[in-house]
Amino acid sequence: MSAAFPDFRLGAVLATSFTGTLSERHGEPVERIPVPHRLVDWLAVYGLAVDSCTAAQLDRARELRESIHEAATAAAVQDALPAPAVQAINECSLQGRAAAILTPGGKRQWRLSPDSRVEDALSVIAADAIGILAGERDGKLALCASPTCQAAFFDASQSRTRKWCDMNTCGNRQKKARFNANQRKNLRPSS
């Protein structure tokens, strides 16, 4: 990965990790797939290797990302899923040619053919989002407690009480801010 681009924020859940390719949505947004070849890089990290990506395919990927984010945010706050987001997710799911395979360890893995396109990889992401939004996975959708992030994430922790989309970024930043505020408060002279 090139140092000229922000690092990917990788997670265990494909669909919500994909929405994390745009972070700090309520602060200074960080676009982690600003050019087509970065989408190719991100897909390869998740085992969805494709040879190339056009600007139009990147636009379609961003549309899917935002649709998943909108639907996941609505689900996390127990609102109705937005119809345009549902439609975009369903359309992406229908356009792909990917196969589910069973690994020797008993896990499902997606396999693309050697001539797969970005649309095939996006269909896998859309299918993962559908599984999460339909409640087929053990866990719940939640929103990051960071006021600048508020990303939707899938909480599969035992207690289902995670506060941060990523402890190494949002969680540490919030804990550091709280610590610094307490330090400043303790340094003030008492009246």
C-alpha atoms as a PDB file:
ATOM      1  CA  MET A   1       0.000   0.000   0.000  1.00  0.00           C
ATOM      2  CA  SER A   2       1.239   3.423  -0.899  1.00  0.00           C
ATOM      3  CA  ALA A   3       2.209   5.819   1.865  1.00  0.00           C
ATOM      4  CA  ALA A   4       0.480   8.595  -0.108  1.00  0.00           C
ATOM      5  CA  PHE A   5      -2.912   7.178   0.860  1.00  0.00           C
ATOM      6  CA  PRO A   6      -4.461   6.742   4.302  1.00  0.00           C
ATOM      7  CA  ASP A   7      -4.242   3.240   5.739  1.00  0.00           C
ATOM      8  CA  PHE A   8      -7.241   0.979   5.501  1.00  0.00           C
ATOM      9  CA  ARG A   9      -9.202   0.405   8.701  1.00  0.00           C
ATOM     10  CA  LEU A  10      -9.685  -3.328   8.586  1.00  0.00           C
ATOM     11  CA  GLY A  11     -12.347  -5.162  10.501  1.00  0.00           C
ATOM     12  CA  ALA A  12     -13.751  -8.656  10.728  1.00  0.00           C
ATOM     13  CA  VAL A  13     -17.073  -7.799   9.057  1.00  0.00           C
ATOM     14  CA  LEU A  14     -16.839  -7.178   5.322  1.00  0.00           C
ATOM     15  CA  ALA A  15     -19.830  -4.866   4.821  1.00  0.00           C
ATOM     16  CA  THR A  16     -19.155  -2.536   7.741  1.00  0.00           C
ATOM     17  CA  SER A  17     -15.426  -2.553   7.019  1.00  0.00           C
ATOM     18  CA  PHE A  18     -16.319  -1.384   3.527  1.00  0.00           C
ATOM     19  CA  THR A  19     -18.292   1.542   4.943  1.00  0.00           C
ATOM     20  CA  GLY A  20     -15.139   2.382   6.913  1.00  0.00           C
ATOM     21  CA  THR A  21     -13.371   3.301   3.686  1.00  0.00           C
ATOM     22  CA  LEU A  22     -14.852   6.729   4.392  1.00  0.00           C
ATOM     23  CA  SER A  23     -14.151   7.635   7.999  1.00  0.00           C
ATOM     24  CA  GLU A  24     -14.623  10.681  10.205  1.00  0.00           C
ATOM     25  CA  ARG A  25     -17.919  11.381   8.426  1.00  0.00           C
ATOM     26  CA  HIS A  26     -18.902  14.033  10.998  1.00  0.00           C
ATOM     27  CA  GLY A  27     -15.495  15.692  11.233  1.00  0.00           C
ATOM     28  CA  GLU A  28     -12.966  16.025   8.459  1.00  0.00           C
ATOM     29  CA  PRO A  29     -13.866  13.039   6.238  1.00  0.00           C
ATOM     30  CA  VAL A  30     -11.031  10.697   5.268  1.00  0.00           C
ATOM     31  CA  GLU A  31     -11.550   8.946   1.918  1.00  0.00           C
ATOM     32  CA  ARG A  32      -9.530   5.738   1.945  1.00  0.00           C
ATOM     33  CA  ILE A  33     -10.371   4.731  -1.640  1.00  0.00           C
ATOM     34  CA  PRO A  34      -9.834   8.045  -3.473  1.00  0.00           C
ATOM     35  CA  VAL A  35      -8.792   6.448  -6.770  1.00  0.00           C
ATOM     36  CA  PRO A  36      -9.799   3.266  -8.595  1.00  0.00           C
ATOM     37  CA  HIS A  37      -6.628   1.297  -7.872  1.00  0.00           C
ATOM     38  CA  ARG A  38      -7.143   1.802  -4.112  1.00  0.00           C
ATOM     39  CA  LEU A  39     -10.463  -0.028  -4.415  1.00  0.00           C
ATOM     40  CA  VAL A  40      -8.592  -2.861  -6.147  1.00  0.00           C
ATOM     41  CA  ASP A  41      -6.141  -2.866  -3.207  1.00  0.00           C
ATOM     42  CA  TRP A  42      -8.943  -2.896  -0.605  1.00  0.00           C
ATOM     43  CA  LEU A  43     -10.787  -5.728  -2.345  1.00  0.00           C
ATOM     44  CA  ALA A  44      -7.588  -7.794  -2.503  1.00  0.00           C
ATOM     45  CA  VAL A  45      -7.098  -7.434   1.264  1.00  0.00           C
ATOM     46  CA  TYR A  46     -10.509  -9.086   1.717  1.00  0.00           C
ATOM     47  CA  GLY A  47      -9.816 -11.884  -0.766  1.00  0.00           C
ATOM     48  CA  LEU A  48     -11.883 -10.341  -3.552  1.00  0.00           C
ATOM     49  CA  ALA A  49      -9.107  -9.747  -6.067  1.00  0.00           C
ATOM     50  CA  VAL A  50      -9.950  -8.068  -9.350  1.00  0.00           C
ATOM     51  CA  ASP A  51      -7.501  -6.904 -12.016  1.00  0.00           C
ATOM     52  CA  SER A  52      -8.721  -3.367 -12.540  1.00  0.00           C
ATOM     53  CA  CYS A  53     -11.281  -0.735 -11.677  1.00  0.00           C
ATOM     54  CA  THR A  54     -12.639   2.145 -13.709  1.00  0.00           C
ATOM     55  CA  ALA A  55     -13.778   5.506 -12.389  1.00  0.00           C
ATOM     56  CA  ALA A  56     -17.400   4.456 -13.044  1.00  0.00           C
ATOM     57  CA  GLN A  57     -16.903   1.253 -11.030  1.00  0.00           C
ATOM     58  CA  LEU A  58     -15.391   3.274  -8.178  1.00  0.00           C
ATOM     59  CA  ASP A  59     -18.451   5.545  -8.263  1.00  0.00           C
ATOM     60  CA  ARG A  60     -20.699   2.452  -8.095  1.00  0.00           C
ATOM     61  CA  ALA A  61     -18.664   1.107  -5.170  1.00  0.00           C
ATOM     62  CA  ARG A  62     -19.034   4.403  -3.313  1.00  0.00           C
ATOM     63  CA  GLU A  63     -22.782   4.356  -3.985  1.00  0.00           C
ATOM     64  CA  LEU A  64     -22.959   0.872  -2.467  1.00  0.00           C
ATOM     65  CA  ARG A  65     -20.796   1.968   0.478  1.00  0.00           C
ATOM     66  CA  GLU A  66     -23.083   4.900   1.235  1.00  0.00           C
ATOM     67  CA  SER A  67     -26.205   2.765   0.834  1.00  0.00           C
ATOM     68  CA  ILE A  68     -24.854   0.203   3.294  1.00  0.00           C
ATOM     69  CA  HIS A  69     -23.898   3.008   5.682  1.00  0.00           C
ATOM     70  CA  GLU A  70     -27.389   4.564   5.476  1.00  0.00           C
ATOM     71  CA  ALA A  71     -29.145   1.238   6.001  1.00  0.00           C
ATOM     72  CA  ALA A  72     -26.809   0.147   8.812  1.00  0.00           C
ATOM     73  CA  THR A  73     -27.210   3.503  10.561  1.00  0.00           C
ATOM     74  CA  ALA A  74     -30.988   3.222  10.334  1.00  0.00           C
ATOM     75  CA  ALA A  75     -30.880  -0.342  11.656  1.00  0.00           C
ATOM     76  CA  ALA A  76     -28.568   0.651  14.524  1.00  0.00           C
ATOM     77  CA  VAL A  77     -31.057   3.274  15.737  1.00  0.00           C
ATOM     78  CA  GLN A  78     -33.988   0.977  14.939  1.00  0.00           C
ATOM     79  CA  ASP A  79     -35.413   3.156  12.167  1.00  0.00           C
ATOM     80  CA  ALA A  80     -36.937   1.853   8.955  1.00  0.00           C
ATOM     81  CA  LEU A  81     -34.381   1.004   6.297  1.00  0.00           C
ATOM     82  CA  PRO A  82     -34.288   3.711   3.599  1.00  0.00           C
ATOM     83  CA  ALA A  83     -35.876   2.327   0.407  1.00  0.00           C
ATOM     84  CA  PRO A  84     -33.251   3.819  -1.970  1.00  0.00           C
ATOM     85  CA  ALA A  85     -30.443   2.254   0.091  1.00  0.00           C
ATOM     86  CA  VAL A  86     -32.184  -1.137   0.113  1.00  0.00           C
ATOM     87  CA  GLN A  87     -32.680  -0.926  -3.650  1.00  0.00           C
ATOM     88  CA  ALA A  88     -29.016  -0.073  -4.292  1.00  0.00           C
ATOM     89  CA  ILE A  89     -27.819  -2.931  -2.065  1.00  0.00           C
ATOM     90  CA  ASN A  90     -30.171  -5.403  -3.757  1.00  0.00           C
ATOM     91  CA  GLU A  91     -29.117  -4.282  -7.243  1.00  0.00           C
ATOM     92  CA  CYS A  92     -25.444  -4.788  -6.407  1.00  0.00           C
ATOM     93  CA  SER A  93     -26.156  -8.204  -4.940  1.00  0.00           C
ATOM     94  CA  LEU A  94     -27.934  -9.307  -8.110  1.00  0.00           C
ATOM     95  CA  GLN A  95     -25.184  -8.150 -10.495  1.00  0.00           C
ATOM     96  CA  GLY A  96     -22.367 -10.369  -9.326  1.00  0.00           C
ATOM     97  CA  ARG A  97     -20.894 -13.719 -10.207  1.00  0.00           C
ATOM     98  CA  ALA A  98     -19.246 -15.028  -7.064  1.00  0.00           C
ATOM     99  CA  ALA A  99     -19.373 -18.459  -5.489  1.00  0.00           C
ATOM    100  CA  ALA A 100     -19.454 -19.346  -1.820  1.00  0.00           C
ATOM    101  CA  ILE A 101     -17.035 -22.107  -0.908  1.00  0.00           C
ATOM    102  CA  LEU A 102     -16.490 -24.006   2.316  1.00  0.00           C
ATOM    103  CA  THR A 103     -12.972 -23.841   3.739  1.00  0.00           C
ATOM    104  CA  PRO A 104     -11.335 -26.863   5.417  1.00  0.00           C
ATOM    105  CA  GLY A 105     -11.882 -25.035   8.715  1.00  0.00           C
ATOM    106  CA  GLY A 106     -15.641 -24.981   8.166  1.00  0.00           C
ATOM    107  CA  LYS A 107     -15.962 -21.301   7.233  1.00  0.00           C
ATOM    108  CA  ARG A 108     -17.706 -19.776   4.239  1.00  0.00           C
ATOM    109  CA  GLN A 109     -15.405 -17.923   1.879  1.00  0.00           C
ATOM    110  CA  TRP A 110     -16.237 -16.118  -1.343  1.00  0.00           C
ATOM    111  CA  ARG A 111     -14.385 -16.979  -4.508  1.00  0.00           C
ATOM    112  CA  LEU A 112     -14.259 -14.873  -7.616  1.00  0.00           C
ATOM    113  CA  SER A 113     -13.236 -16.288 -10.969  1.00  0.00           C
ATOM    114  CA  PRO A 114      -9.976 -15.126 -12.564  1.00  0.00           C
ATOM    115  CA  ASP A 115     -11.931 -12.869 -14.946  1.00  0.00           C
ATOM    116  CA  SER A 116     -14.069 -11.289 -12.220  1.00  0.00           C
ATOM    117  CA  ARG A 117     -14.947  -7.628 -12.299  1.00  0.00           C
ATOM    118  CA  VAL A 118     -15.507  -5.061  -9.578  1.00  0.00           C
ATOM    119  CA  GLU A 119     -19.254  -5.719  -9.810  1.00  0.00           C
ATOM    120  CA  ASP A 120     -18.658  -9.326  -8.771  1.00  0.00           C
ATOM    121  CA  ALA A 121     -16.773  -8.202  -5.666  1.00  0.00           C
ATOM    122  CA  LEU A 122     -19.422  -5.580  -4.867  1.00  0.00           C
ATOM    123  CA  SER A 123     -22.090  -8.298  -5.015  1.00  0.00           C
ATOM    124  CA  VAL A 124     -20.261 -10.159  -2.235  1.00  0.00           C
ATOM    125  CA  ILE A 125     -20.157  -7.000  -0.101  1.00  0.00           C
ATOM    126  CA  ALA A 126     -23.855  -6.403  -0.781  1.00  0.00           C
ATOM    127  CA  ALA A 127     -24.690 -10.010   0.153  1.00  0.00           C
ATOM    128  CA  ASP A 128     -22.787  -9.587   3.420  1.00  0.00           C
ATOM    129  CA  ALA A 129     -24.721  -6.394   4.142  1.00  0.00           C
ATOM    130  CA  ILE A 130     -27.996  -8.170   3.431  1.00  0.00           C
ATOM    131  CA  GLY A 131     -27.106 -10.923   5.894  1.00  0.00           C
ATOM    132  CA  ILE A 132     -26.309  -8.382   8.603  1.00  0.00           C
ATOM    133  CA  LEU A 133     -29.325  -6.160   7.956  1.00  0.00           C
ATOM    134  CA  ALA A 134     -31.630  -9.198   7.857  1.00  0.00           C
ATOM    135  CA  GLY A 135     -30.392 -10.257  11.296  1.00  0.00           C
ATOM    136  CA  GLU A 136     -28.807 -13.494  10.087  1.00  0.00           C
ATOM    137  CA  ARG A 137     -25.582 -12.973  12.042  1.00  0.00           C
ATOM    138  CA  ASP A 138     -25.044 -13.161  15.763  1.00  0.00           C
ATOM    139  CA  GLY A 139     -24.474  -9.582  16.875  1.00  0.00           C
ATOM    140  CA  LYS A 140     -25.984  -6.151  16.455  1.00  0.00           C
ATOM    141  CA  LEU A 141     -25.397  -2.999  14.488  1.00  0.00           C
ATOM    142  CA  ALA A 142     -24.239  -0.031  16.556  1.00  0.00           C
ATOM    143  CA  LEU A 143     -22.900   3.461  15.971  1.00  0.00           C
ATOM    144  CA  CYS A 144     -19.442   4.601  17.017  1.00  0.00           C
ATOM    145  CA  ALA A 145     -19.550   6.850  20.102  1.00  0.00           C
ATOM    146  CA  SER A 146     -16.943   9.206  18.614  1.00  0.00           C
ATOM    147  CA  PRO A 147     -18.757  12.446  17.713  1.00  0.00           C
ATOM    148  CA  THR A 148     -16.617  12.895  14.593  1.00  0.00           C
ATOM    149  CA  CYS A 149     -16.988   9.305  13.396  1.00  0.00           C
ATOM    150  CA  GLN A 150     -20.387   7.801  14.227  1.00  0.00           C
ATOM    151  CA  ALA A 151     -19.682   4.924  11.837  1.00  0.00           C
ATOM    152  CA  ALA A 152     -22.020   1.968  11.830  1.00  0.00           C
ATOM    153  CA  PHE A 153     -20.257  -1.187  12.983  1.00  0.00           C
ATOM    154  CA  PHE A 154     -21.254  -4.748  13.743  1.00  0.00           C
ATOM    155  CA  ASP A 155     -20.861  -5.593  17.418  1.00  0.00           C
ATOM    156  CA  ALA A 156     -20.312  -9.306  17.874  1.00  0.00           C
ATOM    157  CA  SER A 157     -18.840  -8.960  21.368  1.00  0.00           C
ATOM    158  CA  GLN A 158     -20.347 -11.198  24.016  1.00  0.00           C
ATOM    159  CA  SER A 159     -21.992  -8.302  25.876  1.00  0.00           C
ATOM    160  CA  ARG A 160     -22.935  -6.329  22.728  1.00  0.00           C
ATOM    161  CA  THR A 161     -21.768  -3.131  24.458  1.00  0.00           C
ATOM    162  CA  ARG A 162     -18.886  -1.966  22.248  1.00  0.00           C
ATOM    163  CA  LYS A 163     -18.758   1.818  21.953  1.00  0.00           C
ATOM    164  CA  TRP A 164     -16.188   2.325  19.212  1.00  0.00           C
ATOM    165  CA  CYS A 165     -15.983   1.176  15.630  1.00  0.00           C
ATOM    166  CA  ASP A 166     -12.253   0.668  16.206  1.00  0.00           C
ATOM    167  CA  MET A 167     -10.568   0.789  19.595  1.00  0.00           C
ATOM    168  CA  ASN A 168      -7.191   1.587  18.020  1.00  0.00           C
ATOM    169  CA  THR A 169      -8.480   4.795  16.444  1.00  0.00           C
ATOM    170  CA  CYS A 170     -11.754   6.177  17.761  1.00  0.00           C
ATOM    171  CA  GLY A 171     -11.585   4.507  21.160  1.00  0.00           C
ATOM    172  CA  ASN A 172      -8.026   5.599  21.900  1.00  0.00           C
ATOM    173  CA  ARG A 173      -8.712   9.129  20.643  1.00  0.00           C
ATOM    174  CA  GLN A 174     -11.752   9.468  22.924  1.00  0.00           C
ATOM    175  CA  LYS A 175      -9.982   7.987  25.938  1.00  0.00           C
ATOM    176  CA  LYS A 176      -7.024  10.333  25.374  1.00  0.00           C
ATOM    177  CA  ALA A 177      -9.357  13.347  25.133  1.00  0.00           C
ATOM    178  CA  ARG A 178     -11.090  12.321  28.363  1.00  0.00           C
ATOM    179  CA  PHE A 179      -7.719  11.832  30.107  1.00  0.00           C
ATOM    180  CA  ASN A 180      -6.464  15.238  28.935  1.00  0.00           C
ATOM    181  CA  ALA A 181      -9.685  16.919  30.093  1.00  0.00           C
ATOM    182  CA  ASN A 182      -9.313  15.307  33.519  1.00  0.00           C
ATOM    183  CA  GLN A 183      -5.671  16.417  33.690  1.00  0.00           C
ATOM    184  CA  ARG A 184      -6.634  20.024  32.896  1.00  0.00           C
ATOM    185  CA  LYS A 185      -9.419  19.872  35.477  1.00  0.00           C
ATOM    186  CA  ASN A 186      -7.006  18.569  38.134  1.00  0.00           C
ATOM    187  CA  LEU A 187      -4.464  21.311  37.363  1.00  0.00           C
ATOM    188  CA  ARG A 188      -6.927  24.156  37.977  1.00  0.00           C
ATOM    189  CA  PRO A 189      -6.474  25.884  41.323  1.00  0.00           C
ATOM    190  CA  SER A 190      -9.358  25.282  43.664  1.00  0.00           C
ATOM    191  CA  SER A 191     -11.306  28.393  44.595  1.00  0.00           C
END
